[in-house]
N, C-alpha and C. Protein backbone atom coordinates (compact mmCIF):
# COMPACT_ATOMS: atom_id res chain seq x y z
N MET A 1 -3.26 -16.19 -11.48
CA MET A 1 -5.03 -16.14 -11.18
C MET A 1 -4.97 -16.25 -9.42
N ILE A 2 -4.45 -17.23 -8.89
CA ILE A 2 -4.57 -16.93 -7.72
C ILE A 2 -4.36 -15.87 -6.93
N ALA A 3 -3.18 -15.22 -7.20
CA ALA A 3 -2.86 -14.06 -6.64
C ALA A 3 -4.00 -12.97 -7.03
N PHE A 4 -4.62 -12.88 -8.14
CA PHE A 4 -5.79 -12.30 -8.68
C PHE A 4 -7.03 -12.34 -7.63
N ALA A 5 -7.30 -13.57 -7.68
CA ALA A 5 -8.31 -13.72 -6.53
C ALA A 5 -8.28 -13.60 -5.20
N GLY A 6 -6.83 -13.56 -4.79
CA GLY A 6 -6.72 -13.20 -3.38
C GLY A 6 -6.69 -11.93 -3.20
N VAL A 7 -5.99 -10.79 -4.02
CA VAL A 7 -6.12 -9.57 -3.71
C VAL A 7 -7.42 -8.72 -4.08
N SER A 8 -7.98 -9.46 -4.78
CA SER A 8 -9.37 -9.08 -5.33
C SER A 8 -10.32 -9.08 -4.24
N TRP A 9 -10.20 -10.54 -3.39
CA TRP A 9 -11.21 -10.79 -2.43
C TRP A 9 -10.56 -9.72 -1.05
N ALA A 10 -9.26 -9.69 -1.20
CA ALA A 10 -9.06 -8.70 0.07
C ALA A 10 -9.60 -7.19 -0.42
N TRP A 11 -9.53 -6.79 -1.47
CA TRP A 11 -10.32 -5.58 -1.71
C TRP A 11 -11.41 -5.71 -1.48
N TYR A 12 -12.39 -6.47 -1.73
CA TYR A 12 -13.69 -6.54 -1.93
C TYR A 12 -14.20 -6.58 -0.36
N SER A 13 -13.47 -7.44 0.26
CA SER A 13 -13.83 -7.88 1.69
C SER A 13 -13.52 -6.54 2.30
N VAL A 14 -12.98 -5.60 2.27
CA VAL A 14 -12.45 -4.49 3.37
C VAL A 14 -13.11 -3.28 2.51
N THR A 15 -12.97 -3.15 1.23
CA THR A 15 -13.79 -2.07 0.47
C THR A 15 -14.82 -1.66 0.92
N GLY A 16 -15.29 -0.54 1.06
CA GLY A 16 -16.56 -0.24 1.57
C GLY A 16 -17.10 -0.31 2.96
N ARG A 17 -16.10 -0.54 3.76
CA ARG A 17 -16.06 -0.42 5.31
C ARG A 17 -15.97 1.01 5.23
N SER A 18 -16.85 1.74 6.07
CA SER A 18 -16.71 3.02 6.54
C SER A 18 -16.02 3.12 7.86
N GLY A 19 -15.58 3.95 8.29
CA GLY A 19 -14.58 4.50 9.44
C GLY A 19 -13.12 3.80 9.72
N GLY A 20 -12.98 2.96 10.68
CA GLY A 20 -11.56 2.83 10.90
C GLY A 20 -11.12 1.48 10.33
N ILE A 21 -10.05 1.30 11.08
CA ILE A 21 -9.16 0.06 10.93
C ILE A 21 -10.16 -1.37 11.04
N THR A 22 -10.05 -2.41 10.17
CA THR A 22 -10.45 -3.72 10.66
C THR A 22 -10.14 -4.19 11.58
N PRO A 23 -10.87 -4.55 12.62
CA PRO A 23 -10.43 -5.36 13.73
C PRO A 23 -9.73 -6.32 13.54
N MET A 24 -8.80 -6.77 14.45
CA MET A 24 -7.48 -7.68 14.11
C MET A 24 -7.96 -9.07 13.68
N GLY A 25 -8.96 -9.54 14.52
CA GLY A 25 -9.71 -10.91 14.30
C GLY A 25 -10.54 -10.89 12.87
N GLU A 26 -10.70 -9.94 12.24
CA GLU A 26 -11.46 -9.79 10.97
C GLU A 26 -10.66 -9.72 9.98
N ARG A 27 -9.32 -9.52 9.99
CA ARG A 27 -8.33 -9.07 8.81
C ARG A 27 -7.97 -10.41 8.36
N ARG A 28 -7.71 -10.20 6.65
CA ARG A 28 -7.72 -11.32 6.00
C ARG A 28 -6.02 -11.08 5.61
N VAL A 29 -5.28 -12.04 5.35
CA VAL A 29 -4.07 -12.31 4.77
C VAL A 29 -3.80 -11.30 3.29
N MET A 30 -2.70 -10.47 3.40
CA MET A 30 -2.57 -10.19 1.81
C MET A 30 -2.15 -11.28 1.00
N PRO A 31 -2.59 -11.43 -0.04
CA PRO A 31 -1.85 -12.42 -0.89
C PRO A 31 -0.36 -11.88 -1.03
N GLU A 32 0.50 -13.04 -1.47
CA GLU A 32 1.80 -12.48 -1.83
C GLU A 32 2.01 -11.80 -2.99
N LEU A 33 2.83 -10.55 -2.73
CA LEU A 33 2.86 -9.73 -3.99
C LEU A 33 4.64 -9.86 -4.34
N VAL A 34 4.63 -10.27 -5.58
CA VAL A 34 6.01 -9.97 -6.38
C VAL A 34 6.10 -9.10 -7.54
N MET A 35 6.38 -7.92 -7.59
CA MET A 35 6.31 -7.08 -8.68
C MET A 35 7.74 -6.60 -8.86
N ARG A 36 7.69 -6.54 -10.38
CA ARG A 36 9.16 -5.97 -11.00
C ARG A 36 9.02 -4.32 -10.43
N GLN A 37 10.23 -4.01 -10.09
CA GLN A 37 10.66 -2.56 -9.64
C GLN A 37 10.99 -1.57 -10.75
N LEU A 38 10.87 -0.54 -10.90
CA LEU A 38 11.09 0.50 -11.87
C LEU A 38 12.62 0.49 -11.95
N ASP A 39 13.23 0.52 -11.18
CA ASP A 39 14.74 0.57 -11.03
C ASP A 39 15.52 -0.77 -11.03
N GLY A 40 14.40 -1.90 -11.34
CA GLY A 40 15.35 -3.13 -11.55
C GLY A 40 14.81 -3.88 -10.18
N GLY A 41 15.04 -5.13 -10.20
CA GLY A 41 14.99 -6.02 -9.02
C GLY A 41 13.33 -6.15 -8.96
N ALA A 42 13.03 -6.99 -7.71
CA ALA A 42 11.68 -7.33 -7.34
C ALA A 42 11.32 -6.55 -6.04
N TRP A 43 9.89 -6.21 -5.96
CA TRP A 43 9.59 -5.79 -4.65
C TRP A 43 8.54 -7.14 -4.11
N ARG A 44 9.01 -7.55 -3.01
CA ARG A 44 8.20 -8.91 -2.17
C ARG A 44 7.54 -8.42 -0.89
N MET A 45 6.28 -8.66 -1.17
CA MET A 45 5.75 -8.59 0.40
C MET A 45 6.32 -9.46 1.51
N ALA A 46 6.56 -10.51 1.33
CA ALA A 46 7.15 -11.14 2.22
C ALA A 46 8.31 -10.54 2.86
N GLU A 47 9.06 -9.63 2.27
CA GLU A 47 10.17 -8.97 2.92
C GLU A 47 9.86 -7.81 3.68
N HIS A 48 8.57 -7.83 3.96
CA HIS A 48 8.05 -6.49 4.88
C HIS A 48 7.52 -6.78 5.84
N ARG A 49 7.34 -8.12 6.35
CA ARG A 49 6.66 -8.68 7.56
C ARG A 49 7.49 -8.20 8.79
N GLY A 50 6.64 -7.61 9.70
CA GLY A 50 6.79 -6.96 10.85
C GLY A 50 6.98 -5.26 10.60
N GLN A 51 6.29 -4.87 9.33
CA GLN A 51 6.44 -3.45 9.00
C GLN A 51 5.03 -3.32 8.61
N VAL A 52 4.48 -2.30 8.94
CA VAL A 52 3.19 -1.51 8.21
C VAL A 52 3.23 -1.15 6.96
N VAL A 53 2.56 -1.82 5.84
CA VAL A 53 2.60 -1.46 4.63
C VAL A 53 1.83 -0.52 3.92
N LEU A 54 2.18 0.42 3.03
CA LEU A 54 0.72 1.01 2.24
C LEU A 54 1.26 0.83 0.94
N VAL A 55 0.40 -0.11 0.24
CA VAL A 55 0.32 -0.23 -1.18
C VAL A 55 -0.23 0.53 -1.95
N ASN A 56 0.18 1.71 -2.71
CA ASN A 56 -0.20 2.65 -3.23
C ASN A 56 -0.49 2.29 -4.78
N TYR A 57 -1.82 1.77 -5.44
CA TYR A 57 -1.73 2.05 -6.77
C TYR A 57 -2.17 3.12 -7.45
N TRP A 58 -1.35 3.72 -8.38
CA TRP A 58 -1.60 5.12 -8.98
C TRP A 58 -1.20 4.82 -10.71
N ALA A 59 -1.37 6.02 -11.18
CA ALA A 59 -1.19 6.06 -12.56
C ALA A 59 -0.83 7.56 -12.82
N SER A 60 0.14 7.70 -13.81
CA SER A 60 0.78 9.07 -13.89
C SER A 60 -0.22 10.17 -14.66
N TRP A 61 -1.36 9.61 -15.48
CA TRP A 61 -2.26 10.45 -15.66
C TRP A 61 -3.46 10.67 -14.88
N CYS A 62 -3.58 10.19 -13.52
CA CYS A 62 -4.76 10.18 -12.60
C CYS A 62 -4.26 11.41 -11.65
N GLY A 63 -5.44 12.50 -11.72
CA GLY A 63 -5.29 13.55 -11.03
C GLY A 63 -5.13 13.45 -9.50
N PRO A 64 -6.08 12.68 -9.15
CA PRO A 64 -6.00 12.55 -7.88
C PRO A 64 -4.75 11.90 -7.29
N CYS A 65 -4.11 11.10 -8.12
CA CYS A 65 -2.79 10.49 -7.43
C CYS A 65 -2.04 11.58 -7.49
N TRP A 66 -1.97 12.57 -8.08
CA TRP A 66 -1.07 13.74 -8.20
C TRP A 66 -1.33 14.54 -6.83
N GLU A 67 -2.44 14.63 -6.54
CA GLU A 67 -3.04 15.30 -5.30
C GLU A 67 -2.52 14.50 -3.99
N GLU A 68 -2.48 12.99 -3.92
CA GLU A 68 -2.42 12.29 -3.15
C GLU A 68 -0.67 11.92 -2.60
N THR A 69 0.22 11.84 -3.88
CA THR A 69 1.45 11.51 -3.46
C THR A 69 2.32 12.20 -2.85
N PRO A 70 2.22 13.67 -2.50
CA PRO A 70 3.15 14.45 -1.61
C PRO A 70 2.84 13.97 -0.30
N GLY A 71 1.60 13.64 0.33
CA GLY A 71 1.32 13.21 1.53
C GLY A 71 1.91 11.85 1.82
N LEU A 72 2.13 10.71 0.67
CA LEU A 72 2.49 9.58 0.76
C LEU A 72 4.26 9.77 0.94
N ILE A 73 4.79 10.53 0.34
CA ILE A 73 6.17 10.79 0.37
C ILE A 73 6.49 11.43 1.64
N ARG A 74 5.88 12.45 2.42
CA ARG A 74 6.11 12.78 3.76
C ARG A 74 5.87 11.83 4.44
N LEU A 75 4.93 10.82 4.63
CA LEU A 75 4.58 9.81 5.61
C LEU A 75 5.77 8.82 5.45
N SER A 76 6.30 8.61 4.41
CA SER A 76 7.35 7.75 4.03
C SER A 76 8.57 7.93 4.94
N LYS A 77 8.91 9.42 4.66
CA LYS A 77 10.00 9.99 5.11
C LYS A 77 9.91 10.00 6.84
N GLU A 78 8.72 10.40 7.39
CA GLU A 78 8.55 10.71 8.53
C GLU A 78 8.35 9.29 9.64
N LEU A 79 7.58 8.57 8.90
CA LEU A 79 7.18 7.06 9.66
C LEU A 79 7.74 5.81 9.22
N GLY A 80 8.94 5.86 8.05
CA GLY A 80 9.69 4.78 7.85
C GLY A 80 10.63 4.40 8.92
N PRO A 81 11.27 5.39 9.51
CA PRO A 81 12.14 4.71 10.71
C PRO A 81 11.37 4.39 11.92
N GLN A 82 9.84 4.46 11.88
CA GLN A 82 9.16 3.78 12.68
C GLN A 82 8.46 2.35 12.29
N GLY A 83 8.90 2.15 11.18
CA GLY A 83 8.36 0.88 10.55
C GLY A 83 7.25 0.95 9.51
N LEU A 84 7.15 1.82 8.99
CA LEU A 84 6.23 2.14 7.73
C LEU A 84 7.26 1.85 6.33
N ALA A 85 6.55 0.82 5.71
CA ALA A 85 7.08 0.66 4.36
C ALA A 85 5.80 1.00 3.32
N VAL A 86 6.40 1.99 2.09
CA VAL A 86 5.46 2.56 1.20
C VAL A 86 5.83 1.87 -0.44
N VAL A 87 5.05 1.42 -0.92
CA VAL A 87 5.42 0.96 -2.16
C VAL A 87 4.22 1.49 -3.18
N GLY A 88 4.75 2.33 -4.15
CA GLY A 88 3.85 2.83 -5.07
C GLY A 88 3.72 1.97 -6.27
N VAL A 89 2.54 1.14 -6.86
CA VAL A 89 2.34 0.31 -7.84
C VAL A 89 1.82 1.25 -9.25
N ALA A 90 2.61 1.51 -9.74
CA ALA A 90 2.21 2.22 -11.34
C ALA A 90 1.32 1.18 -12.21
N VAL A 91 0.00 1.90 -12.47
CA VAL A 91 -0.79 0.83 -13.33
C VAL A 91 -0.67 1.38 -15.03
N ASP A 92 0.25 2.13 -15.02
CA ASP A 92 0.37 2.96 -16.60
C ASP A 92 0.54 1.97 -17.72
N GLU A 93 0.14 1.95 -18.78
CA GLU A 93 0.36 1.04 -20.05
C GLU A 93 1.09 1.87 -20.80
N GLY A 94 1.97 0.97 -21.60
CA GLY A 94 2.81 1.79 -22.74
C GLY A 94 3.93 2.07 -22.68
N GLY A 95 4.79 1.55 -21.66
CA GLY A 95 6.22 1.63 -21.08
C GLY A 95 6.37 2.55 -19.77
N THR A 96 7.48 2.82 -19.46
CA THR A 96 7.92 3.19 -18.28
C THR A 96 8.43 4.78 -18.04
N ALA A 97 8.36 5.55 -19.56
CA ALA A 97 8.71 6.83 -19.95
C ALA A 97 8.00 7.93 -18.66
N LYS A 98 6.53 7.55 -18.85
CA LYS A 98 5.66 8.63 -18.09
C LYS A 98 5.88 8.22 -16.58
N VAL A 99 5.84 6.99 -16.10
CA VAL A 99 6.24 6.60 -14.88
C VAL A 99 7.39 7.19 -14.25
N LYS A 100 8.54 7.25 -14.80
CA LYS A 100 10.02 7.69 -14.68
C LYS A 100 9.53 9.15 -14.23
N LYS A 101 9.07 9.84 -15.19
CA LYS A 101 8.98 11.09 -15.22
C LYS A 101 8.13 11.55 -13.86
N PHE A 102 7.30 10.83 -13.65
CA PHE A 102 6.33 11.18 -12.46
C PHE A 102 7.05 10.96 -11.09
N VAL A 103 8.06 9.70 -11.28
CA VAL A 103 8.89 9.56 -10.07
C VAL A 103 9.77 10.62 -10.07
N GLU A 104 10.57 10.98 -10.87
CA GLU A 104 11.53 12.17 -10.78
C GLU A 104 11.00 13.53 -10.38
N GLU A 105 9.98 13.75 -10.93
CA GLU A 105 9.00 14.90 -10.78
C GLU A 105 8.87 14.95 -9.04
N PHE A 106 8.19 14.11 -8.48
CA PHE A 106 7.88 14.05 -7.14
C PHE A 106 9.13 13.57 -6.25
N ARG A 107 10.27 13.21 -6.84
CA ARG A 107 11.29 12.62 -5.95
C ARG A 107 10.84 11.90 -4.87
N MET A 108 10.29 10.48 -5.63
CA MET A 108 9.28 9.67 -4.53
C MET A 108 10.78 8.80 -4.18
N PRO A 109 10.79 8.80 -2.54
CA PRO A 109 11.86 8.45 -1.94
C PRO A 109 11.47 6.64 -1.95
N TYR A 110 10.52 6.21 -1.93
CA TYR A 110 10.11 4.49 -2.00
C TYR A 110 10.17 3.99 -2.98
N PRO A 111 9.91 2.43 -3.04
CA PRO A 111 10.02 2.07 -4.29
C PRO A 111 8.85 2.09 -5.15
N VAL A 112 8.69 2.10 -6.55
CA VAL A 112 8.03 2.01 -7.47
C VAL A 112 7.89 0.73 -8.17
N ALA A 113 6.60 0.04 -8.28
CA ALA A 113 6.59 -1.23 -9.06
C ALA A 113 5.62 -1.09 -10.03
N PHE A 114 5.65 -2.47 -10.38
CA PHE A 114 4.71 -2.57 -11.41
C PHE A 114 3.79 -3.95 -11.50
N PRO A 115 2.70 -3.79 -11.49
CA PRO A 115 1.80 -5.31 -11.51
C PRO A 115 2.40 -6.03 -12.93
N GLU A 116 2.32 -7.30 -12.83
CA GLU A 116 2.40 -8.17 -13.67
C GLU A 116 1.70 -7.68 -14.88
N PRO A 117 2.27 -8.12 -16.24
CA PRO A 117 1.37 -7.99 -17.32
C PRO A 117 0.25 -8.79 -17.10
N GLY A 118 -0.89 -8.21 -17.79
CA GLY A 118 -2.21 -8.74 -17.85
C GLY A 118 -2.88 -8.87 -16.31
N SER A 119 -2.15 -8.49 -15.22
CA SER A 119 -2.59 -8.52 -14.21
C SER A 119 -3.71 -8.06 -13.67
N GLN A 120 -4.68 -8.61 -12.49
CA GLN A 120 -5.82 -7.89 -12.41
C GLN A 120 -5.86 -6.30 -11.88
N MET A 121 -4.41 -6.17 -11.34
CA MET A 121 -4.26 -5.27 -10.65
C MET A 121 -4.58 -3.96 -11.39
N ALA A 122 -4.35 -3.96 -12.60
CA ALA A 122 -4.55 -2.87 -13.52
C ALA A 122 -6.35 -2.60 -14.10
N TYR A 123 -6.79 -3.85 -13.90
CA TYR A 123 -8.23 -4.02 -14.63
C TYR A 123 -9.11 -4.11 -13.70
N GLY A 124 -9.01 -4.80 -12.29
CA GLY A 124 -9.68 -5.11 -11.33
C GLY A 124 -10.20 -4.22 -10.32
N MET A 125 -9.71 -2.84 -10.08
CA MET A 125 -9.74 -1.87 -9.25
C MET A 125 -10.77 -0.98 -9.49
N ALA A 126 -11.39 -0.61 -8.59
CA ALA A 126 -12.78 0.43 -8.48
C ALA A 126 -12.07 1.64 -9.13
N GLY A 127 -10.84 2.12 -9.08
CA GLY A 127 -10.26 3.18 -9.68
C GLY A 127 -9.01 3.44 -8.93
N VAL A 128 -8.15 4.47 -9.43
CA VAL A 128 -7.18 4.80 -8.94
C VAL A 128 -6.88 6.13 -8.46
N PRO A 129 -6.58 6.66 -7.14
CA PRO A 129 -5.64 5.55 -6.65
C PRO A 129 -6.66 4.82 -5.65
N THR A 130 -5.80 3.43 -5.39
CA THR A 130 -6.48 2.79 -4.77
C THR A 130 -5.01 2.33 -3.66
N THR A 131 -5.54 2.41 -2.37
CA THR A 131 -4.20 2.04 -1.38
C THR A 131 -4.80 0.80 -0.49
N ILE A 132 -3.79 0.03 -0.23
CA ILE A 132 -4.24 -1.18 0.92
C ILE A 132 -3.27 -1.06 1.77
N LEU A 133 -3.68 -0.93 3.14
CA LEU A 133 -3.09 -1.05 4.41
C LEU A 133 -2.81 -1.95 5.02
N VAL A 134 -1.60 -2.69 5.37
CA VAL A 134 -1.47 -3.99 5.72
C VAL A 134 -0.65 -3.84 6.89
N ASP A 135 -1.19 -4.59 7.63
CA ASP A 135 -0.37 -4.69 9.11
C ASP A 135 0.77 -5.12 9.20
N ARG A 136 1.52 -5.63 10.57
CA ARG A 136 2.58 -5.63 10.72
C ARG A 136 2.95 -7.45 10.21
N MET A 137 1.50 -8.15 10.44
CA MET A 137 1.50 -9.54 10.05
C MET A 137 0.83 -10.03 8.90
N GLY A 138 1.18 -8.77 7.87
CA GLY A 138 0.62 -9.27 6.80
C GLY A 138 -0.71 -9.23 6.36
N ARG A 139 -1.75 -8.83 7.26
CA ARG A 139 -3.04 -8.81 6.91
C ARG A 139 -3.56 -7.23 6.48
N VAL A 140 -4.63 -7.20 5.72
CA VAL A 140 -5.11 -6.21 5.10
C VAL A 140 -5.97 -5.57 6.30
N ALA A 141 -5.85 -4.22 6.31
CA ALA A 141 -6.25 -3.74 7.76
C ALA A 141 -7.21 -2.73 7.18
N LYS A 142 -7.09 -2.25 5.94
CA LYS A 142 -8.00 -1.18 5.23
C LYS A 142 -7.74 -0.83 3.97
N THR A 143 -8.62 -0.69 3.13
CA THR A 143 -8.58 -0.35 1.74
C THR A 143 -9.18 1.01 1.32
N TYR A 144 -8.41 1.74 1.08
CA TYR A 144 -8.96 3.08 0.43
C TYR A 144 -9.19 3.31 -1.07
N VAL A 145 -10.34 3.74 -1.56
CA VAL A 145 -10.33 3.99 -3.12
C VAL A 145 -10.51 5.29 -3.47
N GLY A 146 -9.84 6.07 -3.96
CA GLY A 146 -9.49 7.55 -3.90
C GLY A 146 -8.78 8.33 -3.28
N VAL A 147 -8.79 9.48 -3.58
CA VAL A 147 -7.61 10.24 -2.85
C VAL A 147 -7.73 10.41 -1.37
N VAL A 148 -6.75 10.32 -0.56
CA VAL A 148 -6.72 10.08 0.88
C VAL A 148 -6.02 11.25 1.41
N ARG A 149 -6.32 12.01 2.29
CA ARG A 149 -5.46 13.03 2.92
C ARG A 149 -4.39 12.35 3.93
N GLN A 150 -3.10 12.98 3.82
CA GLN A 150 -2.18 12.57 4.62
C GLN A 150 -2.36 12.40 6.18
N SER A 151 -3.28 13.26 6.59
CA SER A 151 -3.59 13.26 8.09
C SER A 151 -4.59 11.75 8.19
N ASP A 152 -5.20 11.35 7.49
CA ASP A 152 -6.07 10.31 7.47
C ASP A 152 -4.97 8.82 7.37
N PHE A 153 -4.43 8.78 6.42
CA PHE A 153 -3.35 7.83 6.45
C PHE A 153 -2.40 7.61 7.79
N GLU A 154 -2.12 8.68 8.16
CA GLU A 154 -1.21 8.88 9.21
C GLU A 154 -1.93 8.39 10.57
N LYS A 155 -3.08 8.62 10.71
CA LYS A 155 -3.95 8.43 11.73
C LYS A 155 -3.95 6.78 12.07
N ASP A 156 -4.30 6.24 10.77
CA ASP A 156 -4.60 4.62 10.63
C ASP A 156 -3.29 4.11 10.74
N VAL A 157 -1.94 4.54 10.09
CA VAL A 157 -0.74 3.86 10.34
C VAL A 157 -0.40 4.01 11.65
N GLN A 158 -0.45 5.15 12.15
CA GLN A 158 -0.01 5.22 13.91
C GLN A 158 -0.67 4.26 14.53
N GLU A 159 -1.94 4.12 14.13
CA GLU A 159 -2.93 3.02 14.91
C GLU A 159 -2.28 1.53 14.84
N LEU A 160 -1.78 1.24 13.37
CA LEU A 160 -1.35 -0.23 13.12
C LEU A 160 0.41 -0.23 13.94
N LEU A 161 0.95 0.93 13.94
CA LEU A 161 2.28 0.80 14.46
C LEU A 161 2.02 0.64 16.14
N GLY A 162 1.11 1.26 16.68
CA GLY A 162 0.94 0.92 17.86
C GLY A 162 0.44 -0.26 18.25
N GLU A 163 0.04 -1.14 17.41
CA GLU A 163 -0.33 -2.36 17.75
C GLU A 163 0.67 -3.54 17.88
N GLY A 164 1.76 -3.11 17.20
CA GLY A 164 2.79 -3.85 17.50
C GLY A 164 3.61 -3.60 18.86
N GLU A 165 3.63 -2.36 19.24
CA GLU A 165 3.97 -1.80 20.52
C GLU A 165 3.16 -2.34 21.94
N ARG A 166 1.76 -2.37 21.56
CA ARG A 166 1.11 -2.97 22.54
C ARG A 166 1.18 -4.24 22.66
N LYS A 167 1.45 -4.96 21.47
CA LYS A 167 1.80 -6.48 21.64
C LYS A 167 2.96 -6.57 22.35
N VAL A 168 4.19 -5.79 22.35
CA VAL A 168 5.31 -6.02 22.78
C VAL A 168 5.16 -5.79 24.64
N VAL A 169 4.33 -4.63 24.68
CA VAL A 169 4.35 -4.48 26.04
C VAL A 169 3.42 -5.66 26.87
N SER A 170 2.77 -5.77 26.17
CA SER A 170 1.76 -7.12 26.69
C SER A 170 2.30 -8.20 27.04
N SER A 171 3.42 -8.66 26.12
CA SER A 171 4.10 -9.91 26.28
C SER A 171 5.16 -9.79 27.44
N ILE A 172 5.61 -8.58 27.51
CA ILE A 172 6.66 -8.33 28.75
C ILE A 172 6.02 -8.44 29.84
N GLY A 173 4.91 -7.83 29.98
CA GLY A 173 4.29 -8.08 31.31
C GLY A 173 3.76 -9.35 31.93
N ARG A 174 4.11 -10.42 31.02
CA ARG A 174 3.87 -11.62 31.41
C ARG A 174 4.81 -12.47 32.39
């Protein structure tokens, strides 16, 4: 329930803002996520501190998710080496067969996980796809509801990747 409240608050505090990234001083910490992965094991948000993270909630039956996924795959491949982590969170119900088929069809290179059973993730969202952009310090920088073009994700991710570079440069100059 604590995770539900935290994630819901993070979504609603950022969702609806038009334009760019939430200013650093206004960002809220993303609640800790620990999710079961499709291929076994657990995906943990805490293991991605220092990276920019796109947490993409999707479903195999969602047409806009089919449209958005190829761009996320390209971003993962292109910007992963620069510090981007992408995780797909499947909100499908009724087993993993449809999720596995989707993952195989798209050859998704990034981890795919599931929200906890009965979790707010499957029921508390405004819709899918929903993607949360998290900065290197684990704070929510932006929430997207609906399909997003690769170029829009890329612009925002590059901005956050650049924040880390600016911080390093400014600390070296002291």
